[in-house]
Amino acid sequence: MKAHQTFISLKEIRGFYKQECEDEEKKFSEKEFKAFVGCCEGDFYQWLRDNVKYFYREQTERQQ
């Protein structure tokens, strides 16, 4: 989990997560925050994979 490896900073993600904890009346936990970031990274990776497949399919169709 390194700040320079994402387009949104960990500071911004932490602020978002802390606000969600407050809204849900849940205590903020650094361990849970790190798990949340890992979950987001996994979702983002899957999103990239799905989009690259779509991109290649669109490129192939345009070339025909």
PDB file of N, CA and C in Angstrom:
ATOM      1  N   MET A   1       0.841  -1.167   0.000  1.00  0.00           N
ATOM      2  CA  MET A   1       0.000   0.000   0.000  1.00  0.00           C
ATOM      3  C   MET A   1       0.893   1.239   0.000  1.00  0.00           C
ATOM      4  N   LYS A   2       1.158   1.784  -1.181  1.00  0.00           N
ATOM      5  CA  LYS A   2       2.021   2.958  -1.295  1.00  0.00           C
ATOM      6  C   LYS A   2       1.267   4.069  -2.002  1.00  0.00           C
ATOM      7  N   ALA A   3       1.364   5.261  -1.480  1.00  0.00           N
ATOM      8  CA  ALA A   3       0.607   6.407  -1.985  1.00  0.00           C
ATOM      9  C   ALA A   3       0.874   6.687  -3.458  1.00  0.00           C
ATOM     10  N   HIS A   4       2.072   6.470  -3.922  1.00  0.00           N
ATOM     11  CA  HIS A   4       2.393   6.807  -5.306  1.00  0.00           C
ATOM     12  C   HIS A   4       1.886   5.763  -6.302  1.00  0.00           C
ATOM     13  N   GLN A   5       1.231   4.728  -5.844  1.00  0.00           N
ATOM     14  CA  GLN A   5       0.762   3.686  -6.744  1.00  0.00           C
ATOM     15  C   GLN A   5      -0.731   3.801  -7.061  1.00  0.00           C
ATOM     16  N   THR A   6      -1.338   4.902  -6.706  1.00  0.00           N
ATOM     17  CA  THR A   6      -2.760   5.060  -6.955  1.00  0.00           C
ATOM     18  C   THR A   6      -3.062   6.490  -7.360  1.00  0.00           C
ATOM     19  N   PHE A   7      -4.182   6.688  -8.007  1.00  0.00           N
ATOM     20  CA  PHE A   7      -4.520   8.033  -8.457  1.00  0.00           C
ATOM     21  C   PHE A   7      -5.235   8.835  -7.375  1.00  0.00           C
ATOM     22  N   ILE A   8      -5.616   8.184  -6.288  1.00  0.00           N
ATOM     23  CA  ILE A   8      -6.200   8.875  -5.141  1.00  0.00           C
ATOM     24  C   ILE A   8      -5.283   8.609  -3.954  1.00  0.00           C
ATOM     25  N   SER A   9      -5.027   9.643  -3.203  1.00  0.00           N
ATOM     26  CA  SER A   9      -4.058   9.486  -2.114  1.00  0.00           C
ATOM     27  C   SER A   9      -4.647   8.706  -0.948  1.00  0.00           C
ATOM     28  N   LEU A  10      -3.767   8.083  -0.203  1.00  0.00           N
ATOM     29  CA  LEU A  10      -4.209   7.378   0.995  1.00  0.00           C
ATOM     30  C   LEU A  10      -4.819   8.353   1.992  1.00  0.00           C
ATOM     31  N   LYS A  11      -4.333   9.587   1.996  1.00  0.00           N
ATOM     32  CA  LYS A  11      -4.903  10.603   2.879  1.00  0.00           C
ATOM     33  C   LYS A  11      -6.372  10.833   2.538  1.00  0.00           C
ATOM     34  N   GLU A  12      -6.695  10.919   1.264  1.00  0.00           N
ATOM     35  CA  GLU A  12      -8.083  11.111   0.841  1.00  0.00           C
ATOM     36  C   GLU A  12      -8.936   9.890   1.171  1.00  0.00           C
ATOM     37  N   ILE A  13      -8.397   8.708   0.934  1.00  0.00           N
ATOM     38  CA  ILE A  13      -9.133   7.473   1.234  1.00  0.00           C
ATOM     39  C   ILE A  13      -9.364   7.367   2.739  1.00  0.00           C
ATOM     40  N   ARG A  14      -8.352   7.695   3.528  1.00  0.00           N
ATOM     41  CA  ARG A  14      -8.475   7.643   4.989  1.00  0.00           C
ATOM     42  C   ARG A  14      -9.555   8.618   5.463  1.00  0.00           C
ATOM     43  N   GLY A  15      -9.558   9.820   4.913  1.00  0.00           N
ATOM     44  CA  GLY A  15     -10.582  10.807   5.265  1.00  0.00           C
ATOM     45  C   GLY A  15     -11.979  10.301   4.935  1.00  0.00           C
ATOM     46  N   PHE A  16     -12.119   9.712   3.764  1.00  0.00           N
ATOM     47  CA  PHE A  16     -13.404   9.144   3.359  1.00  0.00           C
ATOM     48  C   PHE A  16     -13.822   8.034   4.323  1.00  0.00           C
ATOM     49  N   TYR A  17     -12.886   7.136   4.630  1.00  0.00           N
ATOM     50  CA  TYR A  17     -13.191   5.996   5.496  1.00  0.00           C
ATOM     51  C   TYR A  17     -13.527   6.456   6.915  1.00  0.00           C
ATOM     52  N   LYS A  18     -12.778   7.426   7.424  1.00  0.00           N
ATOM     53  CA  LYS A  18     -13.066   7.954   8.767  1.00  0.00           C
ATOM     54  C   LYS A  18     -14.464   8.569   8.814  1.00  0.00           C
ATOM     55  N   GLN A  19     -14.820   9.298   7.767  1.00  0.00           N
ATOM     56  CA  GLN A  19     -16.156   9.898   7.716  1.00  0.00           C
ATOM     57  C   GLN A  19     -17.231   8.816   7.702  1.00  0.00           C
ATOM     58  N   GLU A  20     -16.999   7.754   6.936  1.00  0.00           N
ATOM     59  CA  GLU A  20     -17.949   6.633   6.904  1.00  0.00           C
ATOM     60  C   GLU A  20     -18.073   5.992   8.279  1.00  0.00           C
ATOM     61  N   CYS A  21     -16.958   5.847   8.982  1.00  0.00           N
ATOM     62  CA  CYS A  21     -16.995   5.289  10.340  1.00  0.00           C
ATOM     63  C   CYS A  21     -17.832   6.176  11.250  1.00  0.00           C
ATOM     64  N   GLU A  22     -17.617   7.489  11.149  1.00  0.00           N
ATOM     65  CA  GLU A  22     -18.403   8.415  11.964  1.00  0.00           C
ATOM     66  C   GLU A  22     -19.887   8.308  11.633  1.00  0.00           C
ATOM     67  N   ASP A  23     -20.203   8.283  10.336  1.00  0.00           N
ATOM     68  CA  ASP A  23     -21.601   8.206   9.901  1.00  0.00           C
ATOM     69  C   ASP A  23     -22.275   6.925  10.391  1.00  0.00           C
ATOM     70  N   GLU A  24     -21.505   5.856  10.446  1.00  0.00           N
ATOM     71  CA  GLU A  24     -22.034   4.554  10.878  1.00  0.00           C
ATOM     72  C   GLU A  24     -21.844   4.321  12.379  1.00  0.00           C
ATOM     73  N   GLU A  25     -21.321   5.340  13.057  1.00  0.00           N
ATOM     74  CA  GLU A  25     -21.045   5.255  14.500  1.00  0.00           C
ATOM     75  C   GLU A  25     -20.181   4.036  14.829  1.00  0.00           C
ATOM     76  N   LYS A  26     -19.140   3.889  14.035  1.00  0.00           N
ATOM     77  CA  LYS A  26     -18.211   2.773  14.174  1.00  0.00           C
ATOM     78  C   LYS A  26     -16.831   3.334  14.508  1.00  0.00           C
ATOM     79  N   LYS A  27     -16.121   2.701  15.395  1.00  0.00           N
ATOM     80  CA  LYS A  27     -14.779   3.158  15.762  1.00  0.00           C
ATOM     81  C   LYS A  27     -13.815   2.916  14.598  1.00  0.00           C
ATOM     82  N   PHE A  28     -13.007   3.940  14.291  1.00  0.00           N
ATOM     83  CA  PHE A  28     -11.997   3.808  13.245  1.00  0.00           C
ATOM     84  C   PHE A  28     -10.895   2.877  13.723  1.00  0.00           C
ATOM     85  N   SER A  29     -10.483   1.965  12.840  1.00  0.00           N
ATOM     86  CA  SER A  29      -9.399   1.034  13.132  1.00  0.00           C
ATOM     87  C   SER A  29      -8.423   1.059  11.970  1.00  0.00           C
ATOM     88  N   GLU A  30      -7.143   1.265  12.278  1.00  0.00           N
ATOM     89  CA  GLU A  30      -6.117   1.269  11.224  1.00  0.00           C
ATOM     90  C   GLU A  30      -6.068  -0.083  10.525  1.00  0.00           C
ATOM     91  N   LYS A  31      -6.243  -1.155  11.274  1.00  0.00           N
ATOM     92  CA  LYS A  31      -6.224  -2.500  10.685  1.00  0.00           C
ATOM     93  C   LYS A  31      -7.377  -2.669   9.691  1.00  0.00           C
ATOM     94  N   GLU A  32      -8.564  -2.234  10.081  1.00  0.00           N
ATOM     95  CA  GLU A  32      -9.713  -2.333   9.167  1.00  0.00           C
ATOM     96  C   GLU A  32      -9.548  -1.391   7.982  1.00  0.00           C
ATOM     97  N   PHE A  33      -8.941  -0.223   8.222  1.00  0.00           N
ATOM     98  CA  PHE A  33      -8.693   0.704   7.121  1.00  0.00           C
ATOM     99  C   PHE A  33      -7.787   0.063   6.078  1.00  0.00           C
ATOM    100  N   LYS A  34      -6.716  -0.576   6.537  1.00  0.00           N
ATOM    101  CA  LYS A  34      -5.809  -1.247   5.601  1.00  0.00           C
ATOM    102  C   LYS A  34      -6.529  -2.359   4.840  1.00  0.00           C
ATOM    103  N   ALA A  35      -7.411  -3.071   5.503  1.00  0.00           N
ATOM    104  CA  ALA A  35      -8.197  -4.115   4.835  1.00  0.00           C
ATOM    105  C   ALA A  35      -9.128  -3.485   3.794  1.00  0.00           C
ATOM    106  N   PHE A  36      -9.710  -2.340   4.129  1.00  0.00           N
ATOM    107  CA  PHE A  36     -10.577  -1.625   3.191  1.00  0.00           C
ATOM    108  C   PHE A  36      -9.794  -1.203   1.948  1.00  0.00           C
ATOM    109  N   VAL A  37      -8.604  -0.658   2.154  1.00  0.00           N
ATOM    110  CA  VAL A  37      -7.764  -0.240   1.022  1.00  0.00           C
ATOM    111  C   VAL A  37      -7.427  -1.460   0.151  1.00  0.00           C
ATOM    112  N   GLY A  38      -7.091  -2.566   0.777  1.00  0.00           N
ATOM    113  CA  GLY A  38      -6.802  -3.787   0.017  1.00  0.00           C
ATOM    114  C   GLY A  38      -7.997  -4.231  -0.801  1.00  0.00           C
ATOM    115  N   CYS A  39      -9.175  -4.134  -0.222  1.00  0.00           N
ATOM    116  CA  CYS A  39     -10.404  -4.479  -0.938  1.00  0.00           C
ATOM    117  C   CYS A  39     -10.605  -3.553  -2.142  1.00  0.00           C
ATOM    118  N   CYS A  40     -10.382  -2.269  -1.930  1.00  0.00           N
ATOM    119  CA  CYS A  40     -10.518  -1.294  -3.019  1.00  0.00           C
ATOM    120  C   CYS A  40      -9.515  -1.574  -4.137  1.00  0.00           C
ATOM    121  N   GLU A  41      -8.291  -1.916  -3.755  1.00  0.00           N
ATOM    122  CA  GLU A  41      -7.267  -2.217  -4.758  1.00  0.00           C
ATOM    123  C   GLU A  41      -7.672  -3.436  -5.582  1.00  0.00           C
ATOM    124  N   GLY A  42      -8.225  -4.450  -4.927  1.00  0.00           N
ATOM    125  CA  GLY A  42      -8.688  -5.636  -5.650  1.00  0.00           C
ATOM    126  C   GLY A  42      -9.814  -5.310  -6.605  1.00  0.00           C
ATOM    127  N   ASP A  43     -10.766  -4.495  -6.152  1.00  0.00           N
ATOM    128  CA  ASP A  43     -11.871  -4.087  -7.018  1.00  0.00           C
ATOM    129  C   ASP A  43     -11.367  -3.273  -8.196  1.00  0.00           C
ATOM    130  N   PHE A  44     -10.409  -2.392  -7.941  1.00  0.00           N
ATOM    131  CA  PHE A  44      -9.861  -1.560  -9.004  1.00  0.00           C
ATOM    132  C   PHE A  44      -9.145  -2.418 -10.040  1.00  0.00           C
ATOM    133  N   TYR A  45      -8.378  -3.400  -9.576  1.00  0.00           N
ATOM    134  CA  TYR A  45      -7.674  -4.295 -10.491  1.00  0.00           C
ATOM    135  C   TYR A  45      -8.677  -5.043 -11.368  1.00  0.00           C
ATOM    136  N   GLN A  46      -9.759  -5.534 -10.774  1.00  0.00           N
ATOM    137  CA  GLN A  46     -10.778  -6.248 -11.549  1.00  0.00           C
ATOM    138  C   GLN A  46     -11.441  -5.309 -12.555  1.00  0.00           C
ATOM    139  N   TRP A  47     -11.686  -4.080 -12.143  1.00  0.00           N
ATOM    140  CA  TRP A  47     -12.258  -3.085 -13.039  1.00  0.00           C
ATOM    141  C   TRP A  47     -11.337  -2.842 -14.236  1.00  0.00           C
ATOM    142  N   LEU A  48     -10.033  -2.736 -13.978  1.00  0.00           N
ATOM    143  CA  LEU A  48      -9.074  -2.555 -15.069  1.00  0.00           C
ATOM    144  C   LEU A  48      -9.089  -3.745 -16.019  1.00  0.00           C
ATOM    145  N   ARG A  49      -9.109  -4.951 -15.469  1.00  0.00           N
ATOM    146  CA  ARG A  49      -9.130  -6.154 -16.313  1.00  0.00           C
ATOM    147  C   ARG A  49     -10.377  -6.177 -17.198  1.00  0.00           C
ATOM    148  N   ASP A  50     -11.521  -5.892 -16.617  1.00  0.00           N
ATOM    149  CA  ASP A  50     -12.768  -5.874 -17.387  1.00  0.00           C
ATOM    150  C   ASP A  50     -12.725  -4.812 -18.477  1.00  0.00           C
ATOM    151  N   ASN A  51     -12.184  -3.656 -18.144  1.00  0.00           N
ATOM    152  CA  ASN A  51     -12.132  -2.576 -19.121  1.00  0.00           C
ATOM    153  C   ASN A  51     -11.135  -2.834 -20.237  1.00  0.00           C
ATOM    154  N   VAL A  52     -10.036  -3.477 -19.942  1.00  0.00           N
ATOM    155  CA  VAL A  52      -9.083  -3.769 -21.009  1.00  0.00           C
ATOM    156  C   VAL A  52      -9.686  -4.803 -21.974  1.00  0.00           C
ATOM    157  N   LYS A  53     -10.431  -5.765 -21.465  1.00  0.00           N
ATOM    158  CA  LYS A  53     -11.111  -6.728 -22.344  1.00  0.00           C
ATOM    159  C   LYS A  53     -12.100  -6.006 -23.250  1.00  0.00           C
ATOM    160  N   TYR A  54     -12.872  -5.097 -22.672  1.00  0.00           N
ATOM    161  CA  TYR A  54     -13.831  -4.305 -23.449  1.00  0.00           C
ATOM    162  C   TYR A  54     -13.100  -3.458 -24.495  1.00  0.00           C
ATOM    163  N   PHE A  55     -12.007  -2.842 -24.094  1.00  0.00           N
ATOM    164  CA  PHE A  55     -11.227  -2.007 -24.999  1.00  0.00           C
ATOM    165  C   PHE A  55     -10.734  -2.814 -26.198  1.00  0.00           C
ATOM    166  N   TYR A  56     -10.154  -3.985 -25.941  1.00  0.00           N
ATOM    167  CA  TYR A  56      -9.642  -4.815 -27.040  1.00  0.00           C
ATOM    168  C   TYR A  56     -10.768  -5.270 -27.962  1.00  0.00           C
ATOM    169  N   ARG A  57     -11.907  -5.624 -27.382  1.00  0.00           N
ATOM    170  CA  ARG A  57     -13.049  -6.042 -28.198  1.00  0.00           C
ATOM    171  C   ARG A  57     -13.529  -4.891 -29.081  1.00  0.00           C
ATOM    172  N   GLU A  58     -13.614  -3.699 -28.508  1.00  0.00           N
ATOM    173  CA  GLU A  58     -14.031  -2.527 -29.287  1.00  0.00           C
ATOM    174  C   GLU A  58     -13.027  -2.212 -30.392  1.00  0.00           C
ATOM    175  N   GLN A  59     -11.746  -2.319 -30.105  1.00  0.00           N
ATOM    176  CA  GLN A  59     -10.725  -2.050 -31.104  1.00  0.00           C
ATOM    177  C   GLN A  59     -10.822  -3.040 -32.263  1.00  0.00           C
ATOM    178  N   THR A  60     -11.059  -4.298 -31.948  1.00  0.00           N
ATOM    179  CA  THR A  60     -11.187  -5.337 -32.972  1.00  0.00           C
ATOM    180  C   THR A  60     -12.404  -5.057 -33.843  1.00  0.00           C
ATOM    181  N   GLU A  61     -13.516  -4.700 -33.242  1.00  0.00           N
ATOM    182  CA  GLU A  61     -14.735  -4.426 -33.994  1.00  0.00           C
ATOM    183  C   GLU A  61     -14.576  -3.195 -34.892  1.00  0.00           C
ATOM    184  N   ARG A  62     -13.869  -2.202 -34.438  1.00  0.00           N
ATOM    185  CA  ARG A  62     -13.643  -1.003 -35.241  1.00  0.00           C
ATOM    186  C   ARG A  62     -12.749  -1.252 -36.437  1.00  0.00           C
ATOM    187  N   GLN A  63     -11.867  -2.238 -36.323  1.00  0.00           N
ATOM    188  CA  GLN A  63     -10.939  -2.546 -37.411  1.00  0.00           C
ATOM    189  C   GLN A  63     -11.593  -3.379 -38.493  1.00  0.00           C
ATOM    190  N   GLN A  64     -12.744  -3.935 -38.219  1.00  0.00           N
ATOM    191  CA  GLN A  64     -13.407  -4.791 -39.222  1.00  0.00           C
ATOM    192  C   GLN A  64     -14.263  -4.008 -40.168  1.00  0.00           C
TER     193      GLN A  64
END
